[in-house]
C-alpha cells in the first residue's frame, strides 16, 4: 500500500493541472509533499508514487484547519472526452474506495483554507504482492481447497489402490468380478475425511487397509455387499455399513 500526503496552503482550486512532480519525503510513514503553486487537477499516476500502469483502489480524505465546507469535492475523471467517474466530499471520516485507472485525472476543490492536507491510501490491483495478486492467490487457494476437500467421485472397475483424500470421497465399485480396493496409510488421511463406498456391479469388493493397519476389532479386510462409510479414529479404520 502507498501512503501519499499532499499539503497546500490556501486550498485546491479545482482547475489548475499539476504537471511538475513535487518533492516527496518520508514523514511518519507517509510520502509527503507540499504544493507551492496553485493546484486542482492531479495525474492519476501521482508522479510515479503509485505502481505504473496498474489500476488502483484509492481512499482519499481531506484535513483542513477550519470546518470543511460541503462544497469541497474530490473527483475522478477520465481523459478526453472528459467524464466524471466518481465525485464526493472526502470528509475525514469517509470510508469510500474508488477505482482509479492510469489514464484518469483527480480533481480536488476546496473553498479557501489556511492549510489543507490531502491524504491518499493507494492499493494497486496488479503487481507482485499488491491487492490483485493477493486476491488471485486467495482465489487460487480457495479453489484448491475446494478441489481437495469438496465431494469427489471415483469409480473403480478393477483392483485399485486409493490415494489419500481430504473431505468427502464417494467410491463406486462397478465390476462384475470380485476385487480388492486398498486404502492409503492412515497417517496420510485427515481425521475429518469421509469415504462412502458403494457396490454397483455383480462382484463383491473387499476393502483392505495398508500393511500393519486394521479395521475395528482387528479386522484386516472388509467386504462390501451393498454400501458403507469408511473413516478413521486416528488409531484404526472404522467401517459402518453392510
Protein backbone atom coordinates (compact mmCIF):
# COMPACT_ATOMS: atom_id res chain seq x y z
CA UNK A 1 0.00 0.00 0.00
CA UNK A 2 1.22 3.50 -0.86
CA UNK A 3 0.53 6.34 1.59
CA UNK A 4 0.64 9.77 -0.04
CA UNK A 5 0.03 13.14 1.61
CA UNK A 6 -0.16 16.44 -0.25
CA UNK A 7 -0.12 19.74 1.63
CA UNK A 8 -1.28 23.03 0.15
CA UNK A 9 -1.81 26.47 1.67
CA UNK A 10 -4.93 28.27 0.54
CA UNK A 11 -6.74 25.21 -0.74
CA UNK A 12 -7.17 23.31 -4.01
CA UNK A 13 -8.67 25.40 -6.80
CA UNK A 14 -10.20 22.52 -8.80
CA UNK A 15 -8.83 23.74 -12.14
CA UNK A 16 -5.03 24.01 -12.28
CA UNK A 17 -3.23 20.88 -13.53
CA UNK A 18 -0.11 19.90 -11.60
CA UNK A 19 2.32 18.69 -14.25
CA UNK A 20 5.62 19.03 -12.40
CA UNK A 21 6.18 16.47 -9.64
CA UNK A 22 6.59 17.95 -6.18
CA UNK A 23 9.41 16.88 -3.89
CA UNK A 24 8.42 13.98 -1.67
CA UNK A 25 9.93 12.97 1.63
CA UNK A 26 9.03 10.29 4.12
CA UNK A 27 7.29 11.74 7.17
CA UNK A 28 5.74 9.45 9.80
CA UNK A 29 5.17 6.70 7.26
CA UNK A 30 3.68 8.99 4.58
CA UNK A 31 5.25 10.07 1.30
CA UNK A 32 4.63 13.75 1.89
CA UNK A 33 5.00 16.75 -0.42
CA UNK A 34 3.96 20.40 -0.27
CA UNK A 35 2.43 22.04 -3.32
CA UNK A 36 3.73 25.59 -3.57
CA UNK A 37 1.79 26.64 -6.70
CA UNK A 38 -1.94 26.66 -7.45
CA UNK A 39 -3.25 23.09 -7.83
CA UNK A 40 -6.55 21.43 -8.59
CA UNK A 41 -6.06 18.55 -11.04
CA UNK A 42 -3.60 15.74 -10.35
CA UNK A 43 -2.49 12.96 -12.73
CA UNK A 44 -3.71 9.50 -11.70
CA UNK A 45 -0.13 8.26 -11.70
CA UNK A 46 0.70 10.78 -8.97
CA UNK A 47 4.16 11.39 -10.46
CA UNK A 48 5.37 7.84 -10.00
CA UNK A 49 4.17 7.46 -6.42
CA UNK A 50 1.80 4.63 -7.44
CA UNK A 51 2.62 1.43 -9.39
CA UNK A 52 2.99 2.45 -13.03
CA UNK A 53 0.39 1.14 -15.43
CA UNK A 54 -1.78 -0.58 -12.80
CA UNK A 55 -5.32 0.44 -11.83
CA UNK A 56 -5.62 1.02 -8.12
CA UNK A 57 -8.12 1.42 -5.31
CA UNK A 58 -7.97 4.84 -3.69
CA UNK A 59 -9.13 6.04 -0.30
CA UNK A 60 -8.89 9.82 -0.01
CA UNK A 61 -9.74 12.32 2.70
CA UNK A 62 -9.13 15.99 3.34
CA UNK A 63 -7.91 17.52 6.56
CA UNK A 64 -8.48 21.27 6.93
CA UNK A 65 -7.70 23.88 9.53
CA UNK A 66 -11.31 25.10 9.56
CA UNK A 67 -14.53 23.10 9.31
CA UNK A 68 -14.65 21.51 5.87
CA UNK A 69 -17.11 23.18 3.54
CA UNK A 70 -19.65 20.86 1.93
CA UNK A 71 -18.67 22.36 -1.43
CA UNK A 72 -15.31 20.57 -1.19
CA UNK A 73 -15.08 17.97 -3.94
CA UNK A 74 -12.86 15.03 -4.79
CA UNK A 75 -13.45 13.84 -8.32
CA UNK A 76 -12.12 11.03 -10.51
CA UNK A 77 -12.50 11.85 -14.19
CA UNK A 78 -11.49 10.25 -17.47
CA UNK A 79 -9.41 11.84 -20.17
CA UNK A 80 -10.83 13.36 -23.35
CA UNK A 81 -13.74 13.34 -23.75
CA UNK A 82 -13.89 14.10 -20.04
CA UNK A 83 -16.45 12.21 -17.98
CA UNK A 84 -16.83 12.15 -14.20
CA UNK A 85 -16.41 8.63 -12.87
CA UNK A 86 -16.74 9.44 -9.16
CA UNK A 87 -17.41 12.59 -7.15
CA UNK A 88 -17.81 13.05 -3.40
CA UNK A 89 -16.86 15.21 -0.44
CA UNK A 90 -13.90 13.48 1.24
CA UNK A 91 -14.61 14.18 4.90
CA UNK A 92 -12.03 12.80 7.28
CA UNK A 93 -14.45 10.07 8.39
CA UNK A 94 -15.31 8.80 4.89
CA UNK A 95 -14.64 5.15 4.09
CA UNK A 96 -15.20 5.28 0.35
CA UNK A 97 -12.94 3.31 -2.03
CA UNK A 98 -12.68 4.40 -5.65
CA UNK A 99 -11.18 2.56 -8.61
CA UNK A 100 -8.67 4.75 -10.45
CA UNK A 101 -7.17 3.96 -13.84
CA UNK A 102 -3.77 5.20 -15.06
CA UNK A 103 -5.47 7.37 -17.70
CA UNK A 104 -7.69 9.13 -15.16
CA UNK A 105 -7.22 12.50 -13.50
CA UNK A 106 -8.00 13.52 -9.93
CA UNK A 107 -9.75 16.85 -9.40
CA UNK A 108 -9.85 18.46 -5.96
CA UNK A 109 -11.63 21.64 -4.97
CA UNK A 110 -11.83 23.26 -1.53
CA UNK A 111 -13.02 26.75 -0.64
CA UNK A 112 -10.10 28.85 0.64
CA UNK A 113 -8.44 27.40 3.72
CA UNK A 114 -5.27 28.33 5.56
CA UNK A 115 -3.95 24.80 5.24
CA UNK A 116 -5.30 21.68 3.52
CA UNK A 117 -3.88 18.16 3.66
CA UNK A 118 -4.97 15.54 1.16
CA UNK A 119 -4.29 12.02 2.41
CA UNK A 120 -4.46 9.18 -0.10
CA UNK A 121 -4.14 5.46 0.54
CA UNK A 122 -3.37 3.60 -2.68
CA UNK A 123 -3.67 -0.15 -3.17
CA UNK A 124 -2.70 -1.39 -6.62
CA UNK A 125 -4.79 -4.23 -8.05
CA UNK A 126 -1.84 -5.52 -10.06
CA UNK A 127 1.82 -6.25 -9.43
CA UNK A 128 3.63 -8.51 -7.01
CA UNK A 129 2.09 -8.68 -3.54
CA UNK A 130 -0.44 -5.99 -4.40
CA UNK A 131 -4.18 -6.38 -3.92
CA UNK A 132 -4.77 -8.05 -7.27
CA UNK A 133 -2.11 -10.70 -6.78
CA UNK A 134 -3.22 -11.29 -3.18
CA UNK A 135 -6.83 -11.71 -4.30
CA UNK A 136 -5.64 -14.07 -7.04
CA UNK A 137 -3.65 -16.11 -4.54
CA UNK A 138 -6.62 -16.19 -2.19
CA UNK A 139 -8.93 -17.31 -5.00
CA UNK A 140 -6.44 -19.94 -6.13
CA UNK A 141 -6.07 -21.31 -2.60
CA UNK A 142 -9.85 -21.31 -2.15
CA UNK A 143 -10.31 -23.23 -5.40
CA UNK A 144 -7.54 -25.62 -4.45
CA UNK A 145 -9.10 -26.25 -1.04
CA UNK A 146 -12.49 -26.79 -2.66
CA UNK A 147 -10.99 -29.22 -5.16
CA UNK A 148 -9.09 -31.04 -2.44
CA UNK A 149 -11.80 -31.14 0.19
CA UNK A 150 -15.06 -30.91 -1.77
CA UNK A 151 -17.06 -34.06 -2.61
CA UNK A 152 -15.44 -36.16 -5.33
CA UNK A 153 -16.45 -39.37 -7.06
CA UNK A 154 -14.15 -42.24 -8.01
CA UNK A 155 -15.48 -45.19 -10.00
CA UNK A 156 -13.45 -48.38 -9.59
CA UNK A 157 -13.77 -51.09 -12.23
CA UNK A 158 -10.93 -53.41 -11.13
CA UNK A 159 -8.49 -53.90 -8.27
CA UNK A 160 -7.36 -50.45 -7.15
CA UNK A 161 -5.07 -48.54 -4.78
CA UNK A 162 -6.74 -45.40 -3.41
CA UNK A 163 -4.69 -42.27 -2.87
CA UNK A 164 -5.04 -40.19 0.28
CA UNK A 165 -8.04 -37.85 0.19
CA UNK A 166 -9.50 -34.93 2.14
CA UNK A 167 -13.13 -34.01 2.66
CA UNK A 168 -15.71 -36.38 1.17
CA UNK A 169 -14.88 -39.10 -1.35
CA UNK A 170 -17.55 -41.27 -2.99
CA UNK A 171 -16.19 -44.59 -4.28
CA UNK A 172 -18.31 -46.75 -6.57
CA UNK A 173 -17.17 -50.33 -7.24
CA UNK A 174 -18.57 -51.24 -10.64
CA UNK A 175 -17.25 -54.62 -11.70
CA UNK A 176 -18.92 -57.99 -12.16
CA UNK A 177 -15.83 -59.71 -10.74
CA UNK A 178 -14.83 -59.63 -7.08
CA UNK A 179 -11.82 -57.45 -6.40
CA UNK A 180 -9.93 -55.53 -3.78
CA UNK A 181 -9.58 -51.84 -3.05
CA UNK A 182 -6.57 -50.83 -0.97
CA UNK A 183 -6.74 -47.89 1.43
CA UNK A 184 -3.88 -45.40 1.82
CA UNK A 185 -1.94 -45.33 5.11
CA UNK A 186 -3.94 -43.85 8.00
CA UNK A 187 -1.36 -41.15 8.60
CA UNK A 188 -1.96 -39.64 5.15
CA UNK A 189 -5.73 -39.15 5.59
CA UNK A 190 -7.14 -36.28 7.73
CA UNK A 191 -9.31 -37.25 10.68
CA UNK A 192 -12.31 -35.43 9.20
CA UNK A 193 -12.07 -37.22 5.84
CA UNK A 194 -15.05 -39.44 4.95
CA UNK A 195 -15.48 -42.07 2.26
CA UNK A 196 -18.73 -43.58 1.09
CA UNK A 197 -18.25 -46.93 -0.61
CA UNK A 198 -20.96 -48.44 -2.82
CA UNK A 199 -21.13 -51.72 -4.67
CA UNK A 200 -22.78 -51.32 -8.08
CA UNK A 201 -21.72 -54.33 -10.19
CA UNK A 202 -22.12 -58.04 -9.59
CA UNK A 203 -18.70 -58.53 -7.97
CA UNK A 204 -18.24 -58.13 -4.24
CA UNK A 205 -15.36 -55.76 -3.40
CA UNK A 206 -13.10 -56.10 -0.38
CA UNK A 207 -11.53 -53.05 1.26
CA UNK A 208 -8.00 -53.67 2.52
CA UNK A 209 -6.06 -51.40 4.95
CA UNK A 210 -2.37 -50.70 4.45
CA UNK A 211 0.14 -53.15 5.91
CA UNK A 212 0.02 -53.21 9.69
CA UNK A 213 -3.32 -51.41 9.90
CA UNK A 214 -6.78 -52.80 10.61
CA UNK A 215 -10.45 -52.06 10.90
CA UNK A 216 -12.13 -52.12 14.32
CA UNK A 217 -11.77 -55.34 16.31
CA UNK A 218 -8.58 -56.12 14.42
CA UNK A 219 -10.21 -56.97 11.07
CA UNK A 220 -7.72 -56.75 8.22
CA UNK A 221 -10.34 -56.80 5.44
CA UNK A 222 -13.90 -55.60 4.94
CA UNK A 223 -16.20 -56.98 2.26
CA UNK A 224 -18.92 -54.65 0.97
CA UNK A 225 -22.13 -56.27 -0.22
CA UNK A 226 -24.14 -53.08 -0.53
CA UNK A 227 -22.64 -49.83 0.78
CA UNK A 228 -20.87 -48.33 3.76
CA UNK A 229 -18.96 -45.41 5.22
CA UNK A 230 -15.22 -45.50 5.87
CA UNK A 231 -13.32 -43.13 8.17
CA UNK A 232 -10.66 -43.41 10.86
CA UNK A 233 -10.25 -42.53 14.52
CA UNK A 234 -6.52 -41.92 14.47
CA UNK A 235 -5.75 -45.50 15.51
CA UNK A 236 -7.66 -47.76 13.10
CA UNK A 237 -10.15 -47.64 10.28
CA UNK A 238 -13.87 -47.54 11.01
CA UNK A 239 -16.45 -49.13 8.70
CA UNK A 240 -20.22 -48.78 9.07
CA UNK A 241 -22.45 -50.49 6.56
CA UNK A 242 -23.02 -53.87 5.01
